[in-house]
Amino acid sequence: TNAKSLKTSTQLALPLTPAVFPAALWPAAAVEVYTSKEVDAVNGTNLRLKCTFSSSNPISQHLSVTWNFQPEDLSSHEPVFYYLKEPYKLSAGRFKERVTWDGNIERNDVSIVIWNLQPTDNGTFTCQVKNPPDVDGTIGEVRLRVVQKVHFSEIHFLAVAIGSACVLMIIVVTVVIICRHHQKKAQEKRIKVADTEL
């Protein structure tokens, strides 16, 4: 009887095992957020702050996006933008009337555009996405530096160097063609004069 009851209890316990272990072994899924680490922009221009995300769950009707800003002096975070089913504009703060939604939830894009950049916008922007039940995960950070003019990068230098080389080559080829043309004309003239003298 004891063996029979032990067998029965084992059979009852086995079906529960697969249901218990996955919850213990697999961690909860999280939202991954992707942004540029650093961005330079010219004073007075507009800038698209790109932010994309990935989630193991389908996009929820309750997906939310929160953009915040922390100035360089590391003072408290300021709200920049909020999205929940639709974009919400700020009613106050330095970014009031200066931020517009430029994302596409279906493409996992939650980017925004900041208009008329000012030196006071120097600091770190954070992008956080919650897609219930995925409410935890990474927070994207973008460090913005507003400059008076664009720095002359290596790419610009390379473009100018290649362009200058092409122009120089064209000039050299043109000069060579003109010189040969003049030499040919001069030679024809000399031959013509020599024939006349004969």
N, C-alpha and C. Protein backbone atom coordinates (compact mmCIF):
# COMPACT_ATOMS: atom_id res chain seq x y z
N THR A 1 0.84 -1.22 0.00
CA THR A 1 0.00 0.00 0.00
C THR A 1 0.86 1.25 0.00
N ASN A 2 1.94 1.22 0.83
CA ASN A 2 2.84 2.36 0.86
C ASN A 2 3.48 2.61 -0.50
N ALA A 3 3.89 1.51 -1.16
CA ALA A 3 4.50 1.64 -2.49
C ALA A 3 3.52 2.21 -3.47
N LYS A 4 2.24 1.77 -3.35
CA LYS A 4 1.21 2.26 -4.27
C LYS A 4 0.95 3.75 -4.05
N SER A 5 0.88 4.15 -2.76
CA SER A 5 0.63 5.57 -2.47
C SER A 5 1.81 6.41 -2.88
N LEU A 6 3.06 5.90 -2.74
CA LEU A 6 4.25 6.62 -3.16
C LEU A 6 4.25 6.83 -4.66
N LYS A 7 3.85 5.78 -5.38
CA LYS A 7 3.78 5.86 -6.85
C LYS A 7 2.75 6.89 -7.27
N THR A 8 1.61 6.90 -6.56
CA THR A 8 0.54 7.85 -6.88
C THR A 8 1.00 9.28 -6.62
N SER A 9 1.69 9.52 -5.49
CA SER A 9 2.15 10.87 -5.17
C SER A 9 3.21 11.32 -6.16
N THR A 10 4.05 10.41 -6.62
CA THR A 10 5.07 10.75 -7.62
C THR A 10 4.42 11.14 -8.93
N GLN A 11 3.39 10.39 -9.33
CA GLN A 11 2.68 10.71 -10.57
C GLN A 11 2.00 12.06 -10.47
N LEU A 12 1.51 12.39 -9.30
CA LEU A 12 0.86 13.70 -9.12
C LEU A 12 1.87 14.83 -9.13
N ALA A 13 3.06 14.55 -8.63
CA ALA A 13 4.08 15.60 -8.53
C ALA A 13 4.72 15.90 -9.88
N LEU A 14 4.87 14.88 -10.72
CA LEU A 14 5.58 15.06 -11.99
C LEU A 14 4.97 16.12 -12.91
N PRO A 15 3.65 16.14 -13.11
CA PRO A 15 3.09 17.14 -14.01
C PRO A 15 3.33 18.57 -13.54
N LEU A 16 3.58 18.76 -12.25
CA LEU A 16 3.80 20.12 -11.75
C LEU A 16 5.20 20.62 -12.04
N THR A 17 6.14 19.69 -12.23
CA THR A 17 7.54 20.08 -12.39
C THR A 17 7.79 20.99 -13.58
N PRO A 18 7.30 20.67 -14.79
CA PRO A 18 7.57 21.56 -15.93
C PRO A 18 6.99 22.96 -15.72
N ALA A 19 5.93 23.07 -14.98
CA ALA A 19 5.31 24.39 -14.77
C ALA A 19 6.11 25.21 -13.78
N VAL A 20 6.82 24.56 -12.86
CA VAL A 20 7.55 25.29 -11.82
C VAL A 20 8.90 25.78 -12.34
N PHE A 21 9.63 24.91 -13.04
CA PHE A 21 11.00 25.24 -13.43
C PHE A 21 11.14 26.40 -14.41
N PRO A 22 10.33 26.48 -15.49
CA PRO A 22 10.53 27.59 -16.41
C PRO A 22 10.44 28.95 -15.74
N ALA A 23 9.53 29.13 -14.82
CA ALA A 23 9.39 30.41 -14.15
C ALA A 23 10.62 30.72 -13.32
N ALA A 24 11.24 29.68 -12.77
CA ALA A 24 12.41 29.89 -11.92
C ALA A 24 13.68 30.08 -12.74
N LEU A 25 13.76 29.38 -13.88
CA LEU A 25 14.99 29.41 -14.68
C LEU A 25 15.06 30.59 -15.64
N TRP A 26 13.94 30.97 -16.23
CA TRP A 26 13.97 32.03 -17.25
C TRP A 26 13.66 33.38 -16.63
N PRO A 27 14.53 34.40 -16.81
CA PRO A 27 14.25 35.73 -16.26
C PRO A 27 13.15 36.42 -17.06
N ALA A 28 12.55 37.40 -16.45
CA ALA A 28 11.50 38.16 -17.13
C ALA A 28 12.09 38.93 -18.30
N ALA A 29 11.34 39.01 -19.39
CA ALA A 29 11.81 39.72 -20.58
C ALA A 29 11.89 41.22 -20.30
N ALA A 30 12.78 41.91 -21.02
CA ALA A 30 12.97 43.34 -20.81
C ALA A 30 13.04 44.07 -22.15
N VAL A 31 12.74 45.34 -22.11
CA VAL A 31 12.80 46.18 -23.30
C VAL A 31 14.24 46.67 -23.48
N GLU A 32 14.76 46.54 -24.70
CA GLU A 32 16.09 47.06 -25.02
C GLU A 32 15.92 48.35 -25.82
N VAL A 33 16.61 49.40 -25.40
CA VAL A 33 16.50 50.71 -26.05
C VAL A 33 17.83 51.08 -26.69
N TYR A 34 17.78 51.63 -27.91
CA TYR A 34 19.00 51.95 -28.65
C TYR A 34 19.01 53.43 -29.05
N THR A 35 20.09 54.13 -28.72
CA THR A 35 20.25 55.55 -29.10
C THR A 35 21.71 55.81 -29.47
N SER A 36 21.94 56.98 -30.07
CA SER A 36 23.31 57.42 -30.29
C SER A 36 23.88 57.87 -28.94
N LYS A 37 25.15 57.64 -28.72
CA LYS A 37 25.76 58.00 -27.44
C LYS A 37 26.00 59.50 -27.34
N GLU A 38 26.52 60.09 -28.42
CA GLU A 38 26.83 61.52 -28.41
C GLU A 38 26.42 62.14 -29.74
N VAL A 39 25.92 63.37 -29.67
CA VAL A 39 25.49 64.08 -30.87
C VAL A 39 25.93 65.53 -30.78
N ASP A 40 26.49 66.06 -31.87
CA ASP A 40 26.80 67.49 -31.97
C ASP A 40 25.79 68.14 -32.89
N ALA A 41 25.34 69.33 -32.55
CA ALA A 41 24.38 70.05 -33.39
C ALA A 41 24.69 71.54 -33.32
N VAL A 42 24.37 72.24 -34.41
CA VAL A 42 24.67 73.67 -34.50
C VAL A 42 23.58 74.49 -33.82
N ASN A 43 24.00 75.51 -33.13
CA ASN A 43 23.09 76.41 -32.43
C ASN A 43 22.05 76.98 -33.39
N GLY A 44 20.77 76.93 -32.99
CA GLY A 44 19.69 77.49 -33.81
C GLY A 44 19.09 76.51 -34.81
N THR A 45 19.66 75.32 -34.93
CA THR A 45 19.13 74.34 -35.89
C THR A 45 18.17 73.38 -35.17
N ASN A 46 17.59 72.46 -35.96
CA ASN A 46 16.69 71.44 -35.41
C ASN A 46 17.42 70.09 -35.42
N LEU A 47 17.08 69.24 -34.48
CA LEU A 47 17.77 67.97 -34.36
C LEU A 47 16.78 66.84 -34.09
N ARG A 48 16.95 65.74 -34.83
CA ARG A 48 16.15 64.54 -34.58
C ARG A 48 16.93 63.63 -33.64
N LEU A 49 16.39 63.42 -32.45
CA LEU A 49 17.00 62.50 -31.49
C LEU A 49 16.41 61.12 -31.76
N LYS A 50 17.23 60.25 -32.33
CA LYS A 50 16.74 58.93 -32.71
C LYS A 50 16.76 57.98 -31.52
N CYS A 51 15.67 57.22 -31.37
CA CYS A 51 15.57 56.21 -30.32
C CYS A 51 14.72 55.07 -30.84
N THR A 52 15.26 53.86 -30.81
CA THR A 52 14.51 52.67 -31.23
C THR A 52 14.54 51.65 -30.10
N PHE A 53 13.68 50.66 -30.18
CA PHE A 53 13.61 49.68 -29.10
C PHE A 53 13.27 48.29 -29.65
N SER A 54 13.52 47.29 -28.83
CA SER A 54 13.12 45.92 -29.15
C SER A 54 12.46 45.33 -27.90
N SER A 55 11.46 44.49 -28.12
CA SER A 55 10.74 43.87 -27.02
C SER A 55 10.38 42.45 -27.41
N SER A 56 10.41 41.55 -26.45
CA SER A 56 10.08 40.15 -26.73
C SER A 56 8.57 39.95 -26.87
N ASN A 57 7.79 40.95 -26.46
CA ASN A 57 6.34 40.87 -26.54
C ASN A 57 5.81 41.74 -27.67
N PRO A 58 4.64 41.42 -28.20
CA PRO A 58 4.02 42.29 -29.21
C PRO A 58 3.78 43.68 -28.63
N ILE A 59 3.71 44.67 -29.51
CA ILE A 59 3.51 46.04 -29.06
C ILE A 59 2.15 46.16 -28.37
N SER A 60 2.19 46.66 -27.15
CA SER A 60 1.00 46.76 -26.32
C SER A 60 0.26 48.08 -26.58
N GLN A 61 -1.04 48.06 -26.34
CA GLN A 61 -1.84 49.29 -26.42
C GLN A 61 -1.43 50.27 -25.32
N HIS A 62 -0.76 49.74 -24.30
CA HIS A 62 -0.35 50.58 -23.17
C HIS A 62 1.14 50.92 -23.22
N LEU A 63 1.76 50.76 -24.39
CA LEU A 63 3.18 51.13 -24.53
C LEU A 63 3.35 52.61 -24.22
N SER A 64 4.37 52.94 -23.45
CA SER A 64 4.64 54.33 -23.12
C SER A 64 6.08 54.69 -23.42
N VAL A 65 6.29 55.96 -23.77
CA VAL A 65 7.63 56.48 -24.06
C VAL A 65 7.84 57.74 -23.22
N THR A 66 8.95 57.78 -22.53
CA THR A 66 9.27 58.94 -21.70
C THR A 66 10.65 59.47 -22.06
N TRP A 67 10.69 60.74 -22.49
CA TRP A 67 11.96 61.43 -22.74
C TRP A 67 12.19 62.42 -21.61
N ASN A 68 13.39 62.38 -21.03
CA ASN A 68 13.78 63.34 -19.99
C ASN A 68 15.10 64.00 -20.35
N PHE A 69 15.43 65.05 -19.61
CA PHE A 69 16.66 65.81 -19.89
C PHE A 69 17.34 66.16 -18.57
N GLN A 70 18.67 65.98 -18.58
CA GLN A 70 19.47 66.41 -17.43
C GLN A 70 20.55 67.36 -17.91
N PRO A 71 20.51 68.62 -17.46
CA PRO A 71 21.51 69.61 -17.90
C PRO A 71 22.93 69.20 -17.49
N GLU A 72 23.92 69.91 -18.06
CA GLU A 72 25.31 69.59 -17.78
C GLU A 72 25.66 69.79 -16.31
N ASP A 73 24.95 70.69 -15.64
CA ASP A 73 25.25 70.93 -14.22
C ASP A 73 24.69 69.82 -13.32
N LEU A 74 24.13 68.76 -13.96
CA LEU A 74 23.61 67.59 -13.26
C LEU A 74 22.49 67.93 -12.26
N SER A 75 21.76 68.98 -12.57
CA SER A 75 20.60 69.30 -11.74
C SER A 75 19.49 68.29 -12.04
N SER A 76 18.34 68.46 -11.43
CA SER A 76 17.27 67.47 -11.54
C SER A 76 16.81 67.28 -12.98
N HIS A 77 16.28 66.07 -13.25
CA HIS A 77 15.78 65.74 -14.58
C HIS A 77 14.55 66.61 -14.92
N GLU A 78 14.46 66.97 -16.18
CA GLU A 78 13.32 67.74 -16.66
C GLU A 78 12.57 66.94 -17.70
N PRO A 79 11.24 66.99 -17.71
CA PRO A 79 10.47 66.27 -18.74
C PRO A 79 10.66 66.92 -20.11
N VAL A 80 10.73 66.09 -21.13
CA VAL A 80 10.89 66.58 -22.51
C VAL A 80 9.68 66.19 -23.35
N PHE A 81 9.26 64.91 -23.19
CA PHE A 81 8.19 64.41 -24.06
C PHE A 81 7.61 63.14 -23.45
N TYR A 82 6.31 62.91 -23.74
CA TYR A 82 5.66 61.69 -23.24
C TYR A 82 4.69 61.17 -24.30
N TYR A 83 4.67 59.84 -24.41
CA TYR A 83 3.77 59.19 -25.37
C TYR A 83 3.05 58.04 -24.68
N LEU A 84 1.73 58.02 -24.80
CA LEU A 84 0.91 56.90 -24.34
C LEU A 84 -0.34 56.88 -25.22
N LYS A 85 -0.33 55.99 -26.20
CA LYS A 85 -1.38 55.89 -27.22
C LYS A 85 -1.32 57.06 -28.20
N GLU A 86 -0.87 58.21 -27.75
CA GLU A 86 -0.70 59.38 -28.61
C GLU A 86 0.33 60.31 -27.98
N PRO A 87 0.96 61.21 -28.78
CA PRO A 87 1.95 62.14 -28.23
C PRO A 87 1.30 63.17 -27.31
N TYR A 88 1.99 63.51 -26.24
CA TYR A 88 1.54 64.56 -25.32
C TYR A 88 2.56 65.69 -25.30
N LYS A 89 2.10 66.90 -25.55
CA LYS A 89 2.99 68.06 -25.54
C LYS A 89 3.13 68.61 -24.13
N LEU A 90 4.30 69.19 -23.86
CA LEU A 90 4.54 69.79 -22.55
C LEU A 90 3.76 71.09 -22.40
N SER A 91 3.29 71.33 -21.21
CA SER A 91 2.56 72.57 -20.94
C SER A 91 3.47 73.62 -20.33
N ALA A 92 4.70 73.23 -19.95
CA ALA A 92 5.65 74.17 -19.35
C ALA A 92 7.07 73.64 -19.54
N GLY A 93 8.05 74.46 -19.15
CA GLY A 93 9.45 74.03 -19.22
C GLY A 93 10.16 74.56 -20.45
N ARG A 94 11.46 74.33 -20.48
CA ARG A 94 12.30 74.86 -21.56
C ARG A 94 11.99 74.25 -22.92
N PHE A 95 11.38 73.05 -22.92
CA PHE A 95 11.10 72.39 -24.20
C PHE A 95 9.65 72.57 -24.66
N LYS A 96 8.91 73.41 -23.98
CA LYS A 96 7.53 73.67 -24.38
C LYS A 96 7.51 74.25 -25.80
N GLU A 97 6.65 73.70 -26.66
CA GLU A 97 6.50 74.13 -28.05
C GLU A 97 7.77 73.92 -28.89
N ARG A 98 8.73 73.15 -28.37
CA ARG A 98 9.98 72.95 -29.11
C ARG A 98 10.24 71.47 -29.44
N VAL A 99 9.33 70.59 -29.06
CA VAL A 99 9.53 69.16 -29.29
C VAL A 99 8.33 68.59 -30.04
N THR A 100 8.62 67.82 -31.09
CA THR A 100 7.55 67.16 -31.84
C THR A 100 7.87 65.67 -31.98
N TRP A 101 6.83 64.88 -32.07
CA TRP A 101 6.95 63.43 -32.24
C TRP A 101 7.38 63.12 -33.66
N ASP A 102 8.39 62.26 -33.81
CA ASP A 102 8.85 61.86 -35.14
C ASP A 102 9.10 60.36 -35.19
N GLY A 103 8.33 59.62 -34.38
CA GLY A 103 8.52 58.18 -34.31
C GLY A 103 7.44 57.41 -35.05
N ASN A 104 7.59 56.10 -35.04
CA ASN A 104 6.64 55.19 -35.65
C ASN A 104 6.62 53.92 -34.80
N ILE A 105 5.62 53.80 -33.94
CA ILE A 105 5.56 52.69 -32.99
C ILE A 105 5.61 51.34 -33.70
N GLU A 106 4.93 51.23 -34.85
CA GLU A 106 4.91 49.95 -35.58
C GLU A 106 6.30 49.54 -36.04
N ARG A 107 7.18 50.51 -36.21
CA ARG A 107 8.56 50.22 -36.62
C ARG A 107 9.52 50.29 -35.44
N ASN A 108 8.98 50.29 -34.23
CA ASN A 108 9.78 50.35 -33.00
C ASN A 108 10.64 51.61 -32.94
N ASP A 109 10.14 52.68 -33.50
CA ASP A 109 10.86 53.96 -33.52
C ASP A 109 10.12 54.96 -32.64
N VAL A 110 10.82 55.52 -31.66
CA VAL A 110 10.19 56.48 -30.73
C VAL A 110 11.00 57.79 -30.71
N SER A 111 11.45 58.21 -31.88
CA SER A 111 12.29 59.40 -32.00
C SER A 111 11.49 60.68 -31.86
N ILE A 112 12.19 61.77 -31.51
CA ILE A 112 11.58 63.09 -31.41
C ILE A 112 12.47 64.11 -32.12
N VAL A 113 11.91 65.28 -32.40
CA VAL A 113 12.67 66.38 -33.00
C VAL A 113 12.65 67.55 -32.04
N ILE A 114 13.83 68.11 -31.78
CA ILE A 114 13.93 69.30 -30.95
C ILE A 114 14.24 70.48 -31.87
N TRP A 115 13.45 71.53 -31.74
CA TRP A 115 13.55 72.70 -32.61
C TRP A 115 14.36 73.81 -31.95
N ASN A 116 15.06 74.56 -32.82
CA ASN A 116 15.77 75.77 -32.38
C ASN A 116 16.67 75.50 -31.17
N LEU A 117 17.68 74.69 -31.38
CA LEU A 117 18.60 74.31 -30.30
C LEU A 117 19.33 75.52 -29.73
N GLN A 118 19.53 75.50 -28.43
CA GLN A 118 20.22 76.56 -27.70
C GLN A 118 21.37 75.96 -26.90
N PRO A 119 22.38 76.78 -26.55
CA PRO A 119 23.47 76.28 -25.71
C PRO A 119 22.98 75.72 -24.37
N THR A 120 21.84 76.22 -23.89
CA THR A 120 21.28 75.71 -22.63
C THR A 120 20.74 74.28 -22.77
N ASP A 121 20.67 73.77 -24.01
CA ASP A 121 20.20 72.40 -24.24
C ASP A 121 21.33 71.39 -24.10
N ASN A 122 22.54 71.87 -23.80
CA ASN A 122 23.65 70.95 -23.58
C ASN A 122 23.34 70.05 -22.38
N GLY A 123 23.49 68.76 -22.55
CA GLY A 123 23.21 67.84 -21.46
C GLY A 123 22.89 66.45 -21.99
N THR A 124 22.24 65.65 -21.17
CA THR A 124 21.93 64.26 -21.52
C THR A 124 20.43 64.04 -21.60
N PHE A 125 20.00 63.51 -22.74
CA PHE A 125 18.59 63.15 -22.94
C PHE A 125 18.45 61.65 -22.73
N THR A 126 17.41 61.25 -22.03
CA THR A 126 17.16 59.82 -21.80
C THR A 126 15.84 59.41 -22.45
N CYS A 127 15.84 58.21 -23.00
CA CYS A 127 14.67 57.66 -23.68
C CYS A 127 14.31 56.33 -23.00
N GLN A 128 13.12 56.26 -22.44
CA GLN A 128 12.68 55.05 -21.76
C GLN A 128 11.38 54.54 -22.38
N VAL A 129 11.35 53.24 -22.66
CA VAL A 129 10.17 52.61 -23.28
C VAL A 129 9.66 51.50 -22.37
N LYS A 130 8.36 51.49 -22.14
CA LYS A 130 7.72 50.41 -21.38
C LYS A 130 6.64 49.78 -22.25
N ASN A 131 6.72 48.48 -22.42
CA ASN A 131 5.78 47.75 -23.26
C ASN A 131 5.19 46.60 -22.44
N PRO A 132 4.20 46.91 -21.60
CA PRO A 132 3.66 45.89 -20.69
C PRO A 132 3.33 44.58 -21.41
N PRO A 133 3.74 43.43 -20.84
CA PRO A 133 4.33 43.27 -19.50
C PRO A 133 5.81 43.57 -19.40
N ASP A 134 6.49 43.95 -20.50
CA ASP A 134 7.90 44.36 -20.45
C ASP A 134 7.97 45.79 -19.93
N VAL A 135 8.22 45.94 -18.65
CA VAL A 135 8.28 47.29 -18.07
C VAL A 135 9.68 47.64 -17.58
N ASP A 136 10.56 46.64 -17.53
CA ASP A 136 11.95 46.88 -17.14
C ASP A 136 12.83 46.83 -18.38
N GLY A 137 14.04 47.34 -18.23
CA GLY A 137 14.97 47.28 -19.35
C GLY A 137 15.93 48.44 -19.34
N THR A 138 16.68 48.57 -20.43
CA THR A 138 17.68 49.62 -20.54
C THR A 138 17.02 50.97 -20.81
N ILE A 139 17.72 52.02 -20.44
CA ILE A 139 17.28 53.39 -20.75
C ILE A 139 18.32 54.00 -21.68
N GLY A 140 17.88 54.43 -22.86
CA GLY A 140 18.81 55.02 -23.82
C GLY A 140 19.24 56.40 -23.39
N GLU A 141 20.51 56.72 -23.62
CA GLU A 141 21.05 58.04 -23.28
C GLU A 141 21.72 58.67 -24.49
N VAL A 142 21.47 59.96 -24.68
CA VAL A 142 22.10 60.72 -25.76
C VAL A 142 22.68 62.00 -25.15
N ARG A 143 23.98 62.15 -25.27
CA ARG A 143 24.61 63.38 -24.78
C ARG A 143 24.68 64.39 -25.92
N LEU A 144 24.03 65.52 -25.73
CA LEU A 144 23.95 66.55 -26.78
C LEU A 144 24.92 67.68 -26.47
N ARG A 145 25.63 68.09 -27.53
CA ARG A 145 26.52 69.25 -27.41
C ARG A 145 26.14 70.23 -28.52
N VAL A 146 25.69 71.39 -28.12
CA VAL A 146 25.30 72.43 -29.08
C VAL A 146 26.52 73.31 -29.34
N VAL A 147 26.91 73.41 -30.60
CA VAL A 147 28.11 74.18 -30.97
C VAL A 147 27.72 75.33 -31.88
N GLN A 148 28.63 76.30 -32.00
CA GLN A 148 28.35 77.46 -32.84
C GLN A 148 28.50 77.14 -34.32
N LYS A 149 29.38 76.21 -34.64
CA LYS A 149 29.56 75.78 -36.03
C LYS A 149 30.00 74.33 -36.06
N VAL A 150 29.83 73.71 -37.20
CA VAL A 150 30.18 72.29 -37.35
C VAL A 150 31.69 72.14 -37.36
N HIS A 151 32.19 71.17 -36.60
CA HIS A 151 33.61 70.89 -36.61
C HIS A 151 34.02 70.28 -37.95
N PHE A 152 35.24 70.63 -38.39
CA PHE A 152 35.76 70.12 -39.66
C PHE A 152 36.24 68.70 -39.43
N SER A 153 35.39 67.75 -39.67
CA SER A 153 35.71 66.35 -39.38
C SER A 153 36.64 65.75 -40.43
N GLU A 154 37.10 64.56 -40.14
CA GLU A 154 37.99 63.86 -41.07
C GLU A 154 37.28 63.55 -42.38
N ILE A 155 36.00 63.26 -42.31
CA ILE A 155 35.23 62.97 -43.52
C ILE A 155 35.17 64.20 -44.41
N HIS A 156 34.91 65.37 -43.80
CA HIS A 156 34.89 66.61 -44.59
C HIS A 156 36.26 66.86 -45.22
N PHE A 157 37.33 66.64 -44.42
CA PHE A 157 38.68 66.86 -44.92
C PHE A 157 38.97 65.94 -46.10
N LEU A 158 38.56 64.67 -45.98
CA LEU A 158 38.77 63.70 -47.05
C LEU A 158 38.01 64.09 -48.31
N ALA A 159 36.77 64.56 -48.13
CA ALA A 159 35.95 64.98 -49.27
C ALA A 159 36.59 66.16 -50.00
N VAL A 160 37.08 67.14 -49.21
CA VAL A 160 37.73 68.31 -49.81
C VAL A 160 39.02 67.91 -50.51
N ALA A 161 39.79 67.00 -49.90
CA ALA A 161 41.05 66.55 -50.49
C ALA A 161 40.81 65.84 -51.83
N ILE A 162 39.83 64.95 -51.86
CA ILE A 162 39.50 64.22 -53.09
C ILE A 162 39.00 65.19 -54.15
N GLY A 163 38.13 66.12 -53.75
CA GLY A 163 37.60 67.11 -54.69
C GLY A 163 38.71 67.98 -55.27
N SER A 164 39.62 68.41 -54.40
CA SER A 164 40.74 69.25 -54.85
C SER A 164 41.64 68.49 -55.82
N ALA A 165 41.89 67.22 -55.52
CA ALA A 165 42.73 66.39 -56.39
C ALA A 165 42.09 66.23 -57.77
N CYS A 166 40.77 66.03 -57.79
CA CYS A 166 40.06 65.89 -59.07
C CYS A 166 40.14 67.18 -59.88
N VAL A 167 39.93 68.31 -59.22
CA VAL A 167 40.01 69.61 -59.91
C VAL A 167 41.41 69.84 -60.45
N LEU A 168 42.43 69.53 -59.63
CA LEU A 168 43.82 69.71 -60.06
C LEU A 168 44.13 68.83 -61.27
N MET A 169 43.64 67.60 -61.26
CA MET A 169 43.87 66.68 -62.37
C MET A 169 43.22 67.22 -63.66
N ILE A 170 42.01 67.75 -63.51
CA ILE A 170 41.32 68.31 -64.69
C ILE A 170 42.11 69.50 -65.25
N ILE A 171 42.62 70.34 -64.35
CA ILE A 171 43.41 71.50 -64.79
C ILE A 171 44.66 71.06 -65.52
N VAL A 172 45.37 70.06 -64.96
CA VAL A 172 46.60 69.56 -65.59
C VAL A 172 46.31 68.99 -66.97
N VAL A 173 45.26 68.17 -67.07
CA VAL A 173 44.90 67.58 -68.37
C VAL A 173 44.54 68.68 -69.37
N THR A 174 43.79 69.67 -68.91
CA THR A 174 43.41 70.79 -69.80
C THR A 174 44.63 71.54 -70.30
N VAL A 175 45.58 71.82 -69.40
CA VAL A 175 46.81 72.55 -69.77
C VAL A 175 47.61 71.73 -70.78
N VAL A 176 47.73 70.43 -70.54
CA VAL A 176 48.48 69.56 -71.45
C VAL A 176 47.84 69.56 -72.84
N ILE A 177 46.51 69.47 -72.90
CA ILE A 177 45.80 69.46 -74.19
C ILE A 177 46.02 70.79 -74.91
N ILE A 178 45.92 71.90 -74.17
CA ILE A 178 46.12 73.23 -74.78
C ILE A 178 47.54 73.38 -75.31
N CYS A 179 48.53 72.93 -74.51
CA CYS A 179 49.93 73.03 -74.93
C CYS A 179 50.19 72.21 -76.20
N ARG A 180 49.65 71.00 -76.22
CA ARG A 180 49.83 70.16 -77.41
C ARG A 180 49.14 70.77 -78.62
N HIS A 181 47.99 71.37 -78.38
CA HIS A 181 47.28 72.02 -79.49
C HIS A 181 48.10 73.17 -80.06
N HIS A 182 48.70 73.98 -79.15
CA HIS A 182 49.54 75.11 -79.60
C HIS A 182 50.79 74.62 -80.29
N GLN A 183 51.38 73.54 -79.77
CA GLN A 183 52.58 72.98 -80.40
C GLN A 183 52.26 72.47 -81.81
N LYS A 184 51.10 71.83 -81.92
CA LYS A 184 50.69 71.31 -83.23
C LYS A 184 50.45 72.45 -84.21
N LYS A 185 49.82 73.52 -83.72
CA LYS A 185 49.56 74.69 -84.58
C LYS A 185 50.88 75.33 -85.01
N ALA A 186 51.81 75.45 -84.04
CA ALA A 186 53.11 76.06 -84.35
C ALA A 186 53.88 75.20 -85.35
N GLN A 187 53.83 73.89 -85.20
CA GLN A 187 54.52 72.99 -86.12
C GLN A 187 53.92 73.09 -87.52
N GLU A 188 52.56 73.14 -87.58
CA GLU A 188 51.91 73.28 -88.88
C GLU A 188 52.28 74.61 -89.54
N LYS A 189 52.43 75.64 -88.72
CA LYS A 189 52.79 76.96 -89.24
C LYS A 189 54.20 76.95 -89.79
N ARG A 190 55.11 76.28 -89.05
CA ARG A 190 56.50 76.19 -89.52
C ARG A 190 56.59 75.42 -90.82
N ILE A 191 55.82 74.31 -90.91
CA ILE A 191 55.82 73.52 -92.14
C ILE A 191 55.27 74.34 -93.31
N LYS A 192 54.23 75.12 -93.02
CA LYS A 192 53.62 75.95 -94.05
C LYS A 192 54.58 77.02 -94.54
N VAL A 193 55.31 77.63 -93.58
CA VAL A 193 56.31 78.67 -93.93
C VAL A 193 57.43 78.05 -94.74
N ALA A 194 57.89 76.88 -94.33
CA ALA A 194 58.98 76.20 -95.04
C ALA A 194 58.54 75.85 -96.46
N ASP A 195 57.30 75.39 -96.63
CA ASP A 195 56.81 75.07 -97.97
C ASP A 195 56.73 76.32 -98.83
N THR A 196 56.36 77.46 -98.22
CA THR A 196 56.25 78.70 -98.96
C THR A 196 57.62 79.16 -99.43
N GLU A 197 58.65 79.03 -98.55
CA GLU A 197 59.99 79.45 -98.90
C GLU A 197 60.56 78.60 -100.03
N LEU A 198 60.16 77.35 -100.08
CA LEU A 198 60.62 76.48 -101.16
C LEU A 198 59.95 76.88 -102.47
